[in-house]
Amino acid sequence: MEQVHGSLIATHHDAITGILTENCFGSCLTASLNVNYKSPMPVGSTFLFECKVVKVKGRKFFLESKVISFETNKLVGDASALFILVDKESFL
């Protein structure tokens, strides 16, 4: 059985934490992302991502996320992320 490549899992962690941060606080950029892989994720499997904000310090937002196999309820991996609030005007 083929397994999902780790970079795809990391991309999903980055995306889900980024979506949460932007929806709650505004435009942010990923400053760091640390992913811990716990078990393989088979290609075609269904999975659930959970994400939460754990700390806010000025323009810094600290988040944690985890991915769980829907079929086995097994933890596939978790991640911690740091996002920095940015001014949209600075990019125009």
PDB file of N, CA and C in Angstrom:
ATOM      1  N   MET A   1       0.836  -1.175   0.000  1.00  0.00           N
ATOM      2  CA  MET A   1       0.000   0.000   0.000  1.00  0.00           C
ATOM      3  C   MET A   1       0.889   1.249   0.000  1.00  0.00           C
ATOM      4  N   GLU A   2       0.602   2.181  -0.900  1.00  0.00           N
ATOM      5  CA  GLU A   2       1.365   3.416  -0.979  1.00  0.00           C
ATOM      6  C   GLU A   2       1.045   4.343   0.178  1.00  0.00           C
ATOM      7  N   GLN A   3       2.064   5.108   0.597  1.00  0.00           N
ATOM      8  CA  GLN A   3       1.898   6.057   1.700  1.00  0.00           C
ATOM      9  C   GLN A   3       2.011   7.490   1.177  1.00  0.00           C
ATOM     10  N   VAL A   4       1.294   8.393   1.815  1.00  0.00           N
ATOM     11  CA  VAL A   4       1.358   9.813   1.466  1.00  0.00           C
ATOM     12  C   VAL A   4       2.751  10.321   1.824  1.00  0.00           C
ATOM     13  N   HIS A   5       3.350  11.120   0.940  1.00  0.00           N
ATOM     14  CA  HIS A   5       4.669  11.699   1.189  1.00  0.00           C
ATOM     15  C   HIS A   5       4.581  12.708   2.319  1.00  0.00           C
ATOM     16  N   GLY A   6       5.591  12.742   3.167  1.00  0.00           N
ATOM     17  CA  GLY A   6       5.609  13.634   4.326  1.00  0.00           C
ATOM     18  C   GLY A   6       5.450  15.103   3.984  1.00  0.00           C
ATOM     19  N   SER A   7       5.965  15.514   2.823  1.00  0.00           N
ATOM     20  CA  SER A   7       5.847  16.931   2.463  1.00  0.00           C
ATOM     21  C   SER A   7       4.394  17.331   2.226  1.00  0.00           C
ATOM     22  N   LEU A   8       3.573  16.397   1.763  1.00  0.00           N
ATOM     23  CA  LEU A   8       2.160  16.685   1.579  1.00  0.00           C
ATOM     24  C   LEU A   8       1.472  16.873   2.930  1.00  0.00           C
ATOM     25  N   ILE A   9       1.846  16.049   3.893  1.00  0.00           N
ATOM     26  CA  ILE A   9       1.290  16.193   5.242  1.00  0.00           C
ATOM     27  C   ILE A   9       1.714  17.541   5.836  1.00  0.00           C
ATOM     28  N   ALA A  10       2.978  17.920   5.672  1.00  0.00           N
ATOM     29  CA  ALA A  10       3.463  19.211   6.173  1.00  0.00           C
ATOM     30  C   ALA A  10       2.731  20.369   5.502  1.00  0.00           C
ATOM     31  N   THR A  11       2.485  20.244   4.203  1.00  0.00           N
ATOM     32  CA  THR A  11       1.751  21.287   3.479  1.00  0.00           C
ATOM     33  C   THR A  11       0.360  21.470   4.057  1.00  0.00           C
ATOM     34  N   HIS A  12      -0.290  20.376   4.388  1.00  0.00           N
ATOM     35  CA  HIS A  12      -1.626  20.468   4.982  1.00  0.00           C
ATOM     36  C   HIS A  12      -1.577  21.098   6.372  1.00  0.00           C
ATOM     37  N   HIS A  13      -0.569  20.760   7.171  1.00  0.00           N
ATOM     38  CA  HIS A  13      -0.425  21.406   8.479  1.00  0.00           C
ATOM     39  C   HIS A  13      -0.262  22.916   8.299  1.00  0.00           C
ATOM     40  N   ASP A  14       0.590  23.323   7.371  1.00  0.00           N
ATOM     41  CA  ASP A  14       0.821  24.749   7.113  1.00  0.00           C
ATOM     42  C   ASP A  14      -0.467  25.423   6.641  1.00  0.00           C
ATOM     43  N   ALA A  15      -1.196  24.766   5.767  1.00  0.00           N
ATOM     44  CA  ALA A  15      -2.430  25.347   5.230  1.00  0.00           C
ATOM     45  C   ALA A  15      -3.498  25.506   6.306  1.00  0.00           C
ATOM     46  N   ILE A  16      -3.714  24.484   7.112  1.00  0.00           N
ATOM     47  CA  ILE A  16      -4.791  24.543   8.097  1.00  0.00           C
ATOM     48  C   ILE A  16      -4.470  25.544   9.205  1.00  0.00           C
ATOM     49  N   THR A  17      -3.211  25.618   9.634  1.00  0.00           N
ATOM     50  CA  THR A  17      -2.867  26.613  10.654  1.00  0.00           C
ATOM     51  C   THR A  17      -2.921  28.016  10.057  1.00  0.00           C
ATOM     52  N   GLY A  18      -2.527  28.157   8.803  1.00  0.00           N
ATOM     53  CA  GLY A  18      -2.598  29.465   8.144  1.00  0.00           C
ATOM     54  C   GLY A  18      -4.023  29.950   7.956  1.00  0.00           C
ATOM     55  N   ILE A  19      -4.913  29.050   7.587  1.00  0.00           N
ATOM     56  CA  ILE A  19      -6.330  29.418   7.416  1.00  0.00           C
ATOM     57  C   ILE A  19      -6.919  29.873   8.743  1.00  0.00           C
ATOM     58  N   LEU A  20      -6.645  29.126   9.808  1.00  0.00           N
ATOM     59  CA  LEU A  20      -7.156  29.514  11.123  1.00  0.00           C
ATOM     60  C   LEU A  20      -6.623  30.881  11.541  1.00  0.00           C
ATOM     61  N   THR A  21      -5.323  31.089  11.373  1.00  0.00           N
ATOM     62  CA  THR A  21      -4.713  32.349  11.775  1.00  0.00           C
ATOM     63  C   THR A  21      -5.279  33.524  10.978  1.00  0.00           C
ATOM     64  N   GLU A  22      -5.378  33.355   9.668  1.00  0.00           N
ATOM     65  CA  GLU A  22      -5.889  34.457   8.844  1.00  0.00           C
ATOM     66  C   GLU A  22      -7.354  34.756   9.145  1.00  0.00           C
ATOM     67  N   ASN A  23      -8.159  33.729   9.343  1.00  0.00           N
ATOM     68  CA  ASN A  23      -9.580  33.956   9.644  1.00  0.00           C
ATOM     69  C   ASN A  23      -9.783  34.620  10.997  1.00  0.00           C
ATOM     70  N   CYS A  24      -8.920  34.342  11.947  1.00  0.00           N
ATOM     71  CA  CYS A  24      -9.073  34.905  13.297  1.00  0.00           C
ATOM     72  C   CYS A  24      -8.373  36.246  13.480  1.00  0.00           C
ATOM     73  N   PHE A  25      -7.215  36.440  12.822  1.00  0.00           N
ATOM     74  CA  PHE A  25      -6.380  37.595  13.130  1.00  0.00           C
ATOM     75  C   PHE A  25      -6.040  38.489  11.941  1.00  0.00           C
ATOM     76  N   GLY A  26      -6.128  37.989  10.728  1.00  0.00           N
ATOM     77  CA  GLY A  26      -5.760  38.765   9.549  1.00  0.00           C
ATOM     78  C   GLY A  26      -4.583  38.128   8.823  1.00  0.00           C
ATOM     79  N   SER A  27      -4.030  38.862   7.885  1.00  0.00           N
ATOM     80  CA  SER A  27      -2.949  38.338   7.037  1.00  0.00           C
ATOM     81  C   SER A  27      -1.699  38.021   7.845  1.00  0.00           C
ATOM     82  N   CYS A  28      -1.250  36.773   7.717  1.00  0.00           N
ATOM     83  CA  CYS A  28      -0.076  36.302   8.453  1.00  0.00           C
ATOM     84  C   CYS A  28       0.829  35.505   7.524  1.00  0.00           C
ATOM     85  N   LEU A  29       2.073  35.387   7.926  1.00  0.00           N
ATOM     86  CA  LEU A  29       3.046  34.561   7.217  1.00  0.00           C
ATOM     87  C   LEU A  29       3.589  33.513   8.168  1.00  0.00           C
ATOM     88  N   THR A  30       3.899  32.349   7.640  1.00  0.00           N
ATOM     89  CA  THR A  30       4.496  31.292   8.451  1.00  0.00           C
ATOM     90  C   THR A  30       5.935  31.662   8.765  1.00  0.00           C
ATOM     91  N   ALA A  31       6.269  31.720  10.055  1.00  0.00           N
ATOM     92  CA  ALA A  31       7.648  31.981  10.470  1.00  0.00           C
ATOM     93  C   ALA A  31       8.368  30.658  10.724  1.00  0.00           C
ATOM     94  N   SER A  32       7.645  29.687  11.287  1.00  0.00           N
ATOM     95  CA  SER A  32       8.240  28.358  11.486  1.00  0.00           C
ATOM     96  C   SER A  32       7.138  27.314  11.546  1.00  0.00           C
ATOM     97  N   LEU A  33       7.504  26.097  11.162  1.00  0.00           N
ATOM     98  CA  LEU A  33       6.592  24.967  11.186  1.00  0.00           C
ATOM     99  C   LEU A  33       7.406  23.730  11.548  1.00  0.00           C
ATOM    100  N   ASN A  34       7.037  23.072  12.628  1.00  0.00           N
ATOM    101  CA  ASN A  34       7.734  21.872  13.077  1.00  0.00           C
ATOM    102  C   ASN A  34       6.749  20.711  13.043  1.00  0.00           C
ATOM    103  N   VAL A  35       7.005  19.723  12.182  1.00  0.00           N
ATOM    104  CA  VAL A  35       6.094  18.596  11.997  1.00  0.00           C
ATOM    105  C   VAL A  35       6.720  17.336  12.589  1.00  0.00           C
ATOM    106  N   ASN A  36       5.913  16.593  13.346  1.00  0.00           N
ATOM    107  CA  ASN A  36       6.324  15.312  13.924  1.00  0.00           C
ATOM    108  C   ASN A  36       5.458  14.221  13.313  1.00  0.00           C
ATOM    109  N   TYR A  37       6.092  13.270  12.641  1.00  0.00           N
ATOM    110  CA  TYR A  37       5.375  12.178  11.997  1.00  0.00           C
ATOM    111  C   TYR A  37       5.296  10.998  12.962  1.00  0.00           C
ATOM    112  N   LYS A  38       4.074  10.485  13.166  1.00  0.00           N
ATOM    113  CA  LYS A  38       3.858   9.418  14.146  1.00  0.00           C
ATOM    114  C   LYS A  38       3.573   8.058  13.498  1.00  0.00           C
ATOM    115  N   SER A  39       2.826   8.058  12.407  1.00  0.00           N
ATOM    116  CA  SER A  39       2.497   6.802  11.725  1.00  0.00           C
ATOM    117  C   SER A  39       2.206   7.095  10.260  1.00  0.00           C
ATOM    118  N   PRO A  40       2.325   6.081   9.385  1.00  0.00           N
ATOM    119  CA  PRO A  40       2.083   6.288   7.959  1.00  0.00           C
ATOM    120  C   PRO A  40       0.626   6.648   7.668  1.00  0.00           C
ATOM    121  N   MET A  41       0.427   7.378   6.572  1.00  0.00           N
ATOM    122  CA  MET A  41      -0.911   7.700   6.098  1.00  0.00           C
ATOM    123  C   MET A  41      -1.073   7.086   4.709  1.00  0.00           C
ATOM    124  N   PRO A  42      -1.904   6.060   4.570  1.00  0.00           N
ATOM    125  CA  PRO A  42      -2.097   5.433   3.262  1.00  0.00           C
ATOM    126  C   PRO A  42      -2.732   6.402   2.255  1.00  0.00           C
ATOM    127  N   VAL A  43      -2.278   6.333   1.012  1.00  0.00           N
ATOM    128  CA  VAL A  43      -2.875   7.128  -0.061  1.00  0.00           C
ATOM    129  C   VAL A  43      -4.350   6.762  -0.175  1.00  0.00           C
ATOM    130  N   GLY A  44      -5.200   7.779  -0.296  1.00  0.00           N
ATOM    131  CA  GLY A  44      -6.635   7.560  -0.445  1.00  0.00           C
ATOM    132  C   GLY A  44      -7.386   7.455   0.868  1.00  0.00           C
ATOM    133  N   SER A  45      -6.675   7.531   1.991  1.00  0.00           N
ATOM    134  CA  SER A  45      -7.354   7.433   3.282  1.00  0.00           C
ATOM    135  C   SER A  45      -8.033   8.760   3.625  1.00  0.00           C
ATOM    136  N   THR A  46      -8.970   8.682   4.533  1.00  0.00           N
ATOM    137  CA  THR A  46      -9.664   9.872   5.020  1.00  0.00           C
ATOM    138  C   THR A  46      -9.036  10.260   6.347  1.00  0.00           C
ATOM    139  N   PHE A  47      -8.838  11.560   6.542  1.00  0.00           N
ATOM    140  CA  PHE A  47      -8.204  11.997   7.770  1.00  0.00           C
ATOM    141  C   PHE A  47      -8.821  13.297   8.255  1.00  0.00           C
ATOM    142  N   LEU A  48      -8.606  13.600   9.518  1.00  0.00           N
ATOM    143  CA  LEU A  48      -9.144  14.788  10.173  1.00  0.00           C
ATOM    144  C   LEU A  48      -7.990  15.615  10.702  1.00  0.00           C
ATOM    145  N   PHE A  49      -8.009  16.909  10.408  1.00  0.00           N
ATOM    146  CA  PHE A  49      -7.040  17.829  10.988  1.00  0.00           C
ATOM    147  C   PHE A  49      -7.710  18.605  12.098  1.00  0.00           C
ATOM    148  N   GLU A  50      -7.026  18.733  13.217  1.00  0.00           N
ATOM    149  CA  GLU A  50      -7.471  19.582  14.315  1.00  0.00           C
ATOM    150  C   GLU A  50      -6.410  20.650  14.513  1.00  0.00           C
ATOM    151  N   CYS A  51      -6.846  21.862  14.826  1.00  0.00           N
ATOM    152  CA  CYS A  51      -5.913  22.970  14.967  1.00  0.00           C
ATOM    153  C   CYS A  51      -6.405  23.913  16.053  1.00  0.00           C
ATOM    154  N   LYS A  52      -5.464  24.474  16.814  1.00  0.00           N
ATOM    155  CA  LYS A  52      -5.842  25.448  17.832  1.00  0.00           C
ATOM    156  C   LYS A  52      -4.739  26.476  18.033  1.00  0.00           C
ATOM    157  N   VAL A  53      -5.147  27.663  18.448  1.00  0.00           N
ATOM    158  CA  VAL A  53      -4.215  28.719  18.824  1.00  0.00           C
ATOM    159  C   VAL A  53      -3.850  28.468  20.285  1.00  0.00           C
ATOM    160  N   VAL A  54      -2.557  28.398  20.585  1.00  0.00           N
ATOM    161  CA  VAL A  54      -2.138  28.132  21.955  1.00  0.00           C
ATOM    162  C   VAL A  54      -1.610  29.374  22.667  1.00  0.00           C
ATOM    163  N   LYS A  55      -1.158  30.374  21.891  1.00  0.00           N
ATOM    164  CA  LYS A  55      -0.642  31.595  22.524  1.00  0.00           C
ATOM    165  C   LYS A  55      -0.614  32.725  21.505  1.00  0.00           C
ATOM    166  N   VAL A  56      -0.888  33.920  21.980  1.00  0.00           N
ATOM    167  CA  VAL A  56      -0.766  35.130  21.166  1.00  0.00           C
ATOM    168  C   VAL A  56       0.149  36.078  21.924  1.00  0.00           C
ATOM    169  N   LYS A  57       1.181  36.565  21.236  1.00  0.00           N
ATOM    170  CA  LYS A  57       2.132  37.489  21.854  1.00  0.00           C
ATOM    171  C   LYS A  57       2.425  38.603  20.854  1.00  0.00           C
ATOM    172  N   GLY A  58       1.704  39.709  21.002  1.00  0.00           N
ATOM    173  CA  GLY A  58       1.855  40.810  20.053  1.00  0.00           C
ATOM    174  C   GLY A  58       1.390  40.381  18.673  1.00  0.00           C
ATOM    175  N   ARG A  59       2.308  40.465  17.689  1.00  0.00           N
ATOM    176  CA  ARG A  59       2.004  40.057  16.306  1.00  0.00           C
ATOM    177  C   ARG A  59       2.305  38.587  16.053  1.00  0.00           C
ATOM    178  N   LYS A  60       2.712  37.842  17.085  1.00  0.00           N
ATOM    179  CA  LYS A  60       3.068  36.433  16.948  1.00  0.00           C
ATOM    180  C   LYS A  60       1.910  35.551  17.400  1.00  0.00           C
ATOM    181  N   PHE A  61       1.634  34.514  16.604  1.00  0.00           N
ATOM    182  CA  PHE A  61       0.567  33.571  16.902  1.00  0.00           C
ATOM    183  C   PHE A  61       1.155  32.159  16.897  1.00  0.00           C
ATOM    184  N   PHE A  62       1.008  31.459  18.002  1.00  0.00           N
ATOM    185  CA  PHE A  62       1.532  30.114  18.166  1.00  0.00           C
ATOM    186  C   PHE A  62       0.364  29.130  18.069  1.00  0.00           C
ATOM    187  N   LEU A  63       0.498  28.155  17.188  1.00  0.00           N
ATOM    188  CA  LEU A  63      -0.575  27.191  16.955  1.00  0.00           C
ATOM    189  C   LEU A  63      -0.063  25.771  17.045  1.00  0.00           C
ATOM    190  N   GLU A  64      -0.998  24.844  17.284  1.00  0.00           N
ATOM    191  CA  GLU A  64      -0.707  23.424  17.240  1.00  0.00           C
ATOM    192  C   GLU A  64      -1.764  22.753  16.379  1.00  0.00           C
ATOM    193  N   SER A  65      -1.346  21.731  15.656  1.00  0.00           N
ATOM    194  CA  SER A  65      -2.298  20.974  14.837  1.00  0.00           C
ATOM    195  C   SER A  65      -1.945  19.495  14.911  1.00  0.00           C
ATOM    196  N   LYS A  66      -2.929  18.677  14.600  1.00  0.00           N
ATOM    197  CA  LYS A  66      -2.680  17.243  14.519  1.00  0.00           C
ATOM    198  C   LYS A  66      -3.565  16.658  13.435  1.00  0.00           C
ATOM    199  N   VAL A  67      -3.094  15.560  12.866  1.00  0.00           N
ATOM    200  CA  VAL A  67      -3.839  14.848  11.833  1.00  0.00           C
ATOM    201  C   VAL A  67      -4.108  13.434  12.349  1.00  0.00           C
ATOM    202  N   ILE A  68      -5.364  13.037  12.229  1.00  0.00           N
ATOM    203  CA  ILE A  68      -5.809  11.757  12.756  1.00  0.00           C
ATOM    204  C   ILE A  68      -6.462  10.958  11.630  1.00  0.00           C
ATOM    205  N   SER A  69      -6.120   9.669  11.544  1.00  0.00           N
ATOM    206  CA  SER A  69      -6.744   8.796  10.558  1.00  0.00           C
ATOM    207  C   SER A  69      -8.202   8.589  10.938  1.00  0.00           C
ATOM    208  N   PHE A  70      -9.093   8.862   9.997  1.00  0.00           N
ATOM    209  CA  PHE A  70     -10.521   8.694  10.246  1.00  0.00           C
ATOM    210  C   PHE A  70     -10.883   7.219  10.379  1.00  0.00           C
ATOM    211  N   GLU A  71     -10.202   6.363   9.610  1.00  0.00           N
ATOM    212  CA  GLU A  71     -10.506   4.927   9.635  1.00  0.00           C
ATOM    213  C   GLU A  71     -10.049   4.247  10.927  1.00  0.00           C
ATOM    214  N   THR A  72      -8.858   4.602  11.412  1.00  0.00           N
ATOM    215  CA  THR A  72      -8.285   3.906  12.570  1.00  0.00           C
ATOM    216  C   THR A  72      -8.289   4.744  13.847  1.00  0.00           C
ATOM    217  N   ASN A  73      -8.610   6.032  13.735  1.00  0.00           N
ATOM    218  CA  ASN A  73      -8.562   6.980  14.856  1.00  0.00           C
ATOM    219  C   ASN A  73      -7.150   7.092  15.434  1.00  0.00           C
ATOM    220  N   LYS A  74      -6.148   6.776  14.621  1.00  0.00           N
ATOM    221  CA  LYS A  74      -4.746   6.794  15.028  1.00  0.00           C
ATOM    222  C   LYS A  74      -4.118   8.144  14.670  1.00  0.00           C
ATOM    223  N   LEU A  75      -3.268   8.669  15.572  1.00  0.00           N
ATOM    224  CA  LEU A  75      -2.557   9.913  15.311  1.00  0.00           C
ATOM    225  C   LEU A  75      -1.509   9.681  14.236  1.00  0.00           C
ATOM    226  N   VAL A  76      -1.614  10.418  13.145  1.00  0.00           N
ATOM    227  CA  VAL A  76      -0.645  10.319  12.051  1.00  0.00           C
ATOM    228  C   VAL A  76       0.528  11.251  12.318  1.00  0.00           C
ATOM    229  N   GLY A  77       0.239  12.418  12.883  1.00  0.00           N
ATOM    230  CA  GLY A  77       1.301  13.367  13.194  1.00  0.00           C
ATOM    231  C   GLY A  77       0.749  14.617  13.827  1.00  0.00           C
ATOM    232  N   ASP A  78       1.675  15.423  14.345  1.00  0.00           N
ATOM    233  CA  ASP A  78       1.278  16.710  14.908  1.00  0.00           C
ATOM    234  C   ASP A  78       2.296  17.762  14.493  1.00  0.00           C
ATOM    235  N   ALA A  79       1.939  19.014  14.741  1.00  0.00           N
ATOM    236  CA  ALA A  79       2.824  20.109  14.329  1.00  0.00           C
ATOM    237  C   ALA A  79       2.618  21.303  15.242  1.00  0.00           C
ATOM    238  N   SER A  80       3.656  22.109  15.318  1.00  0.00           N
ATOM    239  CA  SER A  80       3.560  23.405  15.975  1.00  0.00           C
ATOM    240  C   SER A  80       3.989  24.452  14.951  1.00  0.00           C
ATOM    241  N   ALA A  81       3.336  25.598  15.012  1.00  0.00           N
ATOM    242  CA  ALA A  81       3.615  26.633  14.022  1.00  0.00           C
ATOM    243  C   ALA A  81       3.647  28.008  14.678  1.00  0.00           C
ATOM    244  N   LEU A  82       4.430  28.888  14.101  1.00  0.00           N
ATOM    245  CA  LEU A  82       4.488  30.290  14.509  1.00  0.00           C
ATOM    246  C   LEU A  82       4.148  31.132  13.294  1.00  0.00           C
ATOM    247  N   PHE A  83       3.148  31.984  13.428  1.00  0.00           N
ATOM    248  CA  PHE A  83       2.752  32.904  12.370  1.00  0.00           C
ATOM    249  C   PHE A  83       2.952  34.331  12.845  1.00  0.00           C
ATOM    250  N   ILE A  84       3.294  35.208  11.912  1.00  0.00           N
ATOM    251  CA  ILE A  84       3.506  36.626  12.206  1.00  0.00           C
ATOM    252  C   ILE A  84       2.483  37.434  11.426  1.00  0.00           C
ATOM    253  N   LEU A  85       1.777  38.318  12.129  1.00  0.00           N
ATOM    254  CA  LEU A  85       0.816  39.204  11.498  1.00  0.00           C
ATOM    255  C   LEU A  85       1.552  40.209  10.627  1.00  0.00           C
ATOM    256  N   VAL A  86       1.086  40.412   9.396  1.00  0.00           N
ATOM    257  CA  VAL A  86       1.721  41.359   8.476  1.00  0.00           C
ATOM    258  C   VAL A  86       0.695  42.379   8.008  1.00  0.00           C
ATOM    259  N   ASP A  87       1.200  43.517   7.579  1.00  0.00           N
ATOM    260  CA  ASP A  87       0.366  44.574   7.026  1.00  0.00           C
ATOM    261  C   ASP A  87       0.233  44.335   5.531  1.00  0.00           C
ATOM    262  N   LYS A  88      -1.006  44.120   5.050  1.00  0.00           N
ATOM    263  CA  LYS A  88      -1.232  43.854   3.618  1.00  0.00           C
ATOM    264  C   LYS A  88      -0.675  44.971   2.751  1.00  0.00           C
ATOM    265  N   GLU A  89      -0.739  46.195   3.220  1.00  0.00           N
ATOM    266  CA  GLU A  89      -0.280  47.332   2.426  1.00  0.00           C
ATOM    267  C   GLU A  89       1.209  47.249   2.116  1.00  0.00           C
ATOM    268  N   SER A  90       1.969  46.586   2.967  1.00  0.00           N
ATOM    269  CA  SER A  90       3.419  46.481   2.746  1.00  0.00           C
ATOM    270  C   SER A  90       3.743  45.587   1.554  1.00  0.00           C
ATOM    271  N   PHE A  91       2.767  44.785   1.088  1.00  0.00           N
ATOM    272  CA  PHE A  91       2.998  43.912  -0.052  1.00  0.00           C
ATOM    273  C   PHE A  91       2.531  44.524  -1.371  1.00  0.00           C
ATOM    274  N   LEU A  92       1.852  45.653  -1.325  1.00  0.00           N
ATOM    275  CA  LEU A  92       1.319  46.254  -2.558  1.00  0.00           C
ATOM    276  C   LEU A  92       2.330  47.145  -3.229  1.00  0.00           C
TER     277      LEU A  92
END
